[in-house]
Amino acid sequence: MTKRKSEAAKNFKKPAHWSDAPPPQPRASENDEELSPTRYGDWVKDGIAIDF
């Protein structure tokens, strides 16, 4: 196994400005669109999916 990664982890010291608090829970989006093309990667035109 690789010793270099584990040795680096042993010597790691957390910066003072880092917090131990867990990240905030994600909020539900308020998107009124049927399907967002940026999320699904396709546009739907006349019932046919079109890649962009």
PDB file of N, CA and C in Angstrom:
ATOM      1  N   MET A   1       0.834  -1.184   0.000  1.00  0.00           N
ATOM      2  CA  MET A   1       0.000   0.000   0.000  1.00  0.00           C
ATOM      3  C   MET A   1       0.880   1.249   0.000  1.00  0.00           C
ATOM      4  N   THR A   2       0.244   2.356  -0.259  1.00  0.00           N
ATOM      5  CA  THR A   2       0.965   3.621  -0.323  1.00  0.00           C
ATOM      6  C   THR A   2       1.172   4.181   1.079  1.00  0.00           C
ATOM      7  N   LYS A   3       2.414   4.402   1.441  1.00  0.00           N
ATOM      8  CA  LYS A   3       2.709   4.979   2.753  1.00  0.00           C
ATOM      9  C   LYS A   3       2.574   6.497   2.720  1.00  0.00           C
ATOM     10  N   ARG A   4       2.839   7.089   1.570  1.00  0.00           N
ATOM     11  CA  ARG A   4       2.886   8.540   1.485  1.00  0.00           C
ATOM     12  C   ARG A   4       1.574   9.190   1.927  1.00  0.00           C
ATOM     13  N   LYS A   5       0.427   8.665   1.490  1.00  0.00           N
ATOM     14  CA  LYS A   5      -0.847   9.272   1.871  1.00  0.00           C
ATOM     15  C   LYS A   5      -1.095   9.151   3.367  1.00  0.00           C
ATOM     16  N   SER A   6      -0.860   7.989   3.931  1.00  0.00           N
ATOM     17  CA  SER A   6      -1.121   7.816   5.354  1.00  0.00           C
ATOM     18  C   SER A   6      -0.157   8.649   6.201  1.00  0.00           C
ATOM     19  N   GLU A   7       1.059   8.803   5.752  1.00  0.00           N
ATOM     20  CA  GLU A   7       2.016   9.634   6.490  1.00  0.00           C
ATOM     21  C   GLU A   7       1.584  11.100   6.438  1.00  0.00           C
ATOM     22  N   ALA A   8       1.088  11.532   5.306  1.00  0.00           N
ATOM     23  CA  ALA A   8       0.630  12.918   5.188  1.00  0.00           C
ATOM     24  C   ALA A   8      -0.578  13.147   6.089  1.00  0.00           C
ATOM     25  N   ALA A   9      -1.452  12.177   6.187  1.00  0.00           N
ATOM     26  CA  ALA A   9      -2.638  12.318   7.031  1.00  0.00           C
ATOM     27  C   ALA A   9      -2.261  12.388   8.507  1.00  0.00           C
ATOM     28  N   LYS A  10      -1.249  11.660   8.911  1.00  0.00           N
ATOM     29  CA  LYS A  10      -0.813  11.699  10.316  1.00  0.00           C
ATOM     30  C   LYS A  10      -0.332  13.094  10.699  1.00  0.00           C
ATOM     31  N   ASN A  11       0.348  13.761   9.788  1.00  0.00           N
ATOM     32  CA  ASN A  11       0.944  15.064  10.075  1.00  0.00           C
ATOM     33  C   ASN A  11      -0.013  16.230   9.836  1.00  0.00           C
ATOM     34  N   PHE A  12      -1.217  15.954   9.367  1.00  0.00           N
ATOM     35  CA  PHE A  12      -2.168  17.021   9.055  1.00  0.00           C
ATOM     36  C   PHE A  12      -2.706  17.652  10.333  1.00  0.00           C
ATOM     37  N   LYS A  13      -2.719  18.972  10.358  1.00  0.00           N
ATOM     38  CA  LYS A  13      -3.306  19.710  11.476  1.00  0.00           C
ATOM     39  C   LYS A  13      -4.407  20.598  10.925  1.00  0.00           C
ATOM     40  N   LYS A  14      -5.583  20.490  11.517  1.00  0.00           N
ATOM     41  CA  LYS A  14      -6.740  21.261  11.068  1.00  0.00           C
ATOM     42  C   LYS A  14      -6.496  22.742  11.325  1.00  0.00           C
ATOM     43  N   PRO A  15      -6.732  23.602  10.316  1.00  0.00           N
ATOM     44  CA  PRO A  15      -6.592  25.045  10.533  1.00  0.00           C
ATOM     45  C   PRO A  15      -7.563  25.540  11.603  1.00  0.00           C
ATOM     46  N   ALA A  16      -7.184  26.562  12.305  1.00  0.00           N
ATOM     47  CA  ALA A  16      -7.982  27.082  13.419  1.00  0.00           C
ATOM     48  C   ALA A  16      -9.350  27.596  12.972  1.00  0.00           C
ATOM     49  N   HIS A  17      -9.467  28.080  11.728  1.00  0.00           N
ATOM     50  CA  HIS A  17     -10.744  28.638  11.276  1.00  0.00           C
ATOM     51  C   HIS A  17     -11.732  27.561  10.818  1.00  0.00           C
ATOM     52  N   TRP A  18     -11.336  26.304  10.744  1.00  0.00           N
ATOM     53  CA  TRP A  18     -12.253  25.214  10.371  1.00  0.00           C
ATOM     54  C   TRP A  18     -13.161  24.899  11.546  1.00  0.00           C
ATOM     55  N   SER A  19     -14.404  24.579  11.257  1.00  0.00           N
ATOM     56  CA  SER A  19     -15.397  24.292  12.288  1.00  0.00           C
ATOM     57  C   SER A  19     -15.667  22.792  12.355  1.00  0.00           C
ATOM     58  N   ASP A  20     -16.091  22.311  13.517  1.00  0.00           N
ATOM     59  CA  ASP A  20     -16.498  20.912  13.660  1.00  0.00           C
ATOM     60  C   ASP A  20     -17.996  20.743  13.419  1.00  0.00           C
ATOM     61  N   ALA A  21     -18.698  21.846  13.198  1.00  0.00           N
ATOM     62  CA  ALA A  21     -20.145  21.782  12.979  1.00  0.00           C
ATOM     63  C   ALA A  21     -20.446  21.079  11.650  1.00  0.00           C
ATOM     64  N   PRO A  22     -21.511  20.285  11.607  1.00  0.00           N
ATOM     65  CA  PRO A  22     -21.865  19.617  10.351  1.00  0.00           C
ATOM     66  C   PRO A  22     -22.372  20.636   9.328  1.00  0.00           C
ATOM     67  N   PRO A  23     -22.300  20.311   8.042  1.00  0.00           N
ATOM     68  CA  PRO A  23     -22.802  21.248   7.031  1.00  0.00           C
ATOM     69  C   PRO A  23     -24.317  21.401   7.147  1.00  0.00           C
ATOM     70  N   PRO A  24     -24.859  22.518   6.717  1.00  0.00           N
ATOM     71  CA  PRO A  24     -26.311  22.711   6.811  1.00  0.00           C
ATOM     72  C   PRO A  24     -27.060  21.752   5.885  1.00  0.00           C
ATOM     73  N   GLN A  25     -28.282  21.408   6.269  1.00  0.00           N
ATOM     74  CA  GLN A  25     -29.109  20.531   5.442  1.00  0.00           C
ATOM     75  C   GLN A  25     -29.534  21.284   4.184  1.00  0.00           C
ATOM     76  N   PRO A  26     -29.587  20.595   3.033  1.00  0.00           N
ATOM     77  CA  PRO A  26     -30.021  21.272   1.805  1.00  0.00           C
ATOM     78  C   PRO A  26     -31.498  21.656   1.887  1.00  0.00           C
ATOM     79  N   ARG A  27     -31.816  22.779   1.287  1.00  0.00           N
ATOM     80  CA  ARG A  27     -33.203  23.240   1.261  1.00  0.00           C
ATOM     81  C   ARG A  27     -33.871  22.768  -0.020  1.00  0.00           C
ATOM     82  N   ALA A  28     -35.157  22.540   0.043  1.00  0.00           N
ATOM     83  CA  ALA A  28     -35.909  22.141  -1.148  1.00  0.00           C
ATOM     84  C   ALA A  28     -35.938  23.307  -2.128  1.00  0.00           C
ATOM     85  N   SER A  29     -35.767  22.999  -3.410  1.00  0.00           N
ATOM     86  CA  SER A  29     -35.795  24.057  -4.413  1.00  0.00           C
ATOM     87  C   SER A  29     -37.234  24.467  -4.694  1.00  0.00           C
ATOM     88  N   GLU A  30     -37.396  25.697  -5.120  1.00  0.00           N
ATOM     89  CA  GLU A  30     -38.716  26.217  -5.443  1.00  0.00           C
ATOM     90  C   GLU A  30     -38.801  26.446  -6.943  1.00  0.00           C
ATOM     91  N   ASN A  31     -38.522  25.416  -7.720  1.00  0.00           N
ATOM     92  CA  ASN A  31     -38.505  25.500  -9.169  1.00  0.00           C
ATOM     93  C   ASN A  31     -39.881  25.117  -9.703  1.00  0.00           C
ATOM     94  N   ASP A  32     -40.516  26.029 -10.450  1.00  0.00           N
ATOM     95  CA  ASP A  32     -41.849  25.768 -10.983  1.00  0.00           C
ATOM     96  C   ASP A  32     -41.820  25.114 -12.368  1.00  0.00           C
ATOM     97  N   GLU A  33     -40.628  24.928 -12.953  1.00  0.00           N
ATOM     98  CA  GLU A  33     -40.535  24.309 -14.274  1.00  0.00           C
ATOM     99  C   GLU A  33     -40.876  22.825 -14.181  1.00  0.00           C
ATOM    100  N   GLU A  34     -41.365  22.254 -15.295  1.00  0.00           N
ATOM    101  CA  GLU A  34     -41.646  20.813 -15.305  1.00  0.00           C
ATOM    102  C   GLU A  34     -40.344  20.034 -15.163  1.00  0.00           C
ATOM    103  N   LEU A  35     -39.466  20.172 -16.128  1.00  0.00           N
ATOM    104  CA  LEU A  35     -38.145  19.554 -16.079  1.00  0.00           C
ATOM    105  C   LEU A  35     -37.134  20.611 -16.478  1.00  0.00           C
ATOM    106  N   SER A  36     -36.088  20.729 -15.749  1.00  0.00           N
ATOM    107  CA  SER A  36     -35.068  21.714 -16.059  1.00  0.00           C
ATOM    108  C   SER A  36     -34.048  21.092 -17.006  1.00  0.00           C
ATOM    109  N   PRO A  37     -33.843  21.657 -18.197  1.00  0.00           N
ATOM    110  CA  PRO A  37     -32.897  21.063 -19.141  1.00  0.00           C
ATOM    111  C   PRO A  37     -31.462  21.063 -18.623  1.00  0.00           C
ATOM    112  N   THR A  38     -31.121  21.997 -17.761  1.00  0.00           N
ATOM    113  CA  THR A  38     -29.769  21.985 -17.223  1.00  0.00           C
ATOM    114  C   THR A  38     -29.572  20.819 -16.276  1.00  0.00           C
ATOM    115  N   ARG A  39     -30.649  20.312 -15.705  1.00  0.00           N
ATOM    116  CA  ARG A  39     -30.530  19.166 -14.817  1.00  0.00           C
ATOM    117  C   ARG A  39     -30.574  17.859 -15.590  1.00  0.00           C
ATOM    118  N   TYR A  40     -31.470  17.758 -16.548  1.00  0.00           N
ATOM    119  CA  TYR A  40     -31.656  16.497 -17.243  1.00  0.00           C
ATOM    120  C   TYR A  40     -30.877  16.411 -18.555  1.00  0.00           C
ATOM    121  N   GLY A  41     -30.370  17.518 -19.069  1.00  0.00           N
ATOM    122  CA  GLY A  41     -29.531  17.490 -20.257  1.00  0.00           C
ATOM    123  C   GLY A  41     -30.291  17.464 -21.563  1.00  0.00           C
ATOM    124  N   ASP A  42     -31.591  17.539 -21.546  1.00  0.00           N
ATOM    125  CA  ASP A  42     -32.386  17.497 -22.769  1.00  0.00           C
ATOM    126  C   ASP A  42     -33.448  18.590 -22.735  1.00  0.00           C
ATOM    127  N   TRP A  43     -33.793  19.060 -23.915  1.00  0.00           N
ATOM    128  CA  TRP A  43     -34.955  19.923 -24.081  1.00  0.00           C
ATOM    129  C   TRP A  43     -36.040  19.051 -24.676  1.00  0.00           C
ATOM    130  N   VAL A  44     -37.271  19.299 -24.322  1.00  0.00           N
ATOM    131  CA  VAL A  44     -38.386  18.563 -24.911  1.00  0.00           C
ATOM    132  C   VAL A  44     -39.149  19.527 -25.803  1.00  0.00           C
ATOM    133  N   LYS A  45     -39.252  19.185 -27.085  1.00  0.00           N
ATOM    134  CA  LYS A  45     -39.982  20.015 -28.045  1.00  0.00           C
ATOM    135  C   LYS A  45     -40.958  19.127 -28.785  1.00  0.00           C
ATOM    136  N   ASP A  46     -42.230  19.425 -28.692  1.00  0.00           N
ATOM    137  CA  ASP A  46     -43.285  18.633 -29.337  1.00  0.00           C
ATOM    138  C   ASP A  46     -43.210  17.168 -28.927  1.00  0.00           C
ATOM    139  N   GLY A  47     -42.882  16.908 -27.666  1.00  0.00           N
ATOM    140  CA  GLY A  47     -42.843  15.539 -27.159  1.00  0.00           C
ATOM    141  C   GLY A  47     -41.588  14.770 -27.512  1.00  0.00           C
ATOM    142  N   ILE A  48     -40.598  15.428 -28.141  1.00  0.00           N
ATOM    143  CA  ILE A  48     -39.353  14.756 -28.538  1.00  0.00           C
ATOM    144  C   ILE A  48     -38.199  15.390 -27.767  1.00  0.00           C
ATOM    145  N   ALA A  49     -37.366  14.554 -27.155  1.00  0.00           N
ATOM    146  CA  ALA A  49     -36.209  15.056 -26.413  1.00  0.00           C
ATOM    147  C   ALA A  49     -35.106  15.431 -27.392  1.00  0.00           C
ATOM    148  N   ILE A  50     -34.537  16.626 -27.210  1.00  0.00           N
ATOM    149  CA  ILE A  50     -33.486  17.130 -28.092  1.00  0.00           C
ATOM    150  C   ILE A  50     -32.267  17.428 -27.231  1.00  0.00           C
ATOM    151  N   ASP A  51     -31.125  16.833 -27.561  1.00  0.00           N
ATOM    152  CA  ASP A  51     -29.879  17.161 -26.856  1.00  0.00           C
ATOM    153  C   ASP A  51     -29.410  18.526 -27.311  1.00  0.00           C
ATOM    154  N   PHE A  52     -28.795  19.256 -26.411  1.00  0.00           N
ATOM    155  CA  PHE A  52     -28.270  20.557 -26.805  1.00  0.00           C
ATOM    156  C   PHE A  52     -26.778  20.583 -26.707  1.00  0.00           C
TER     157      PHE A  52
END
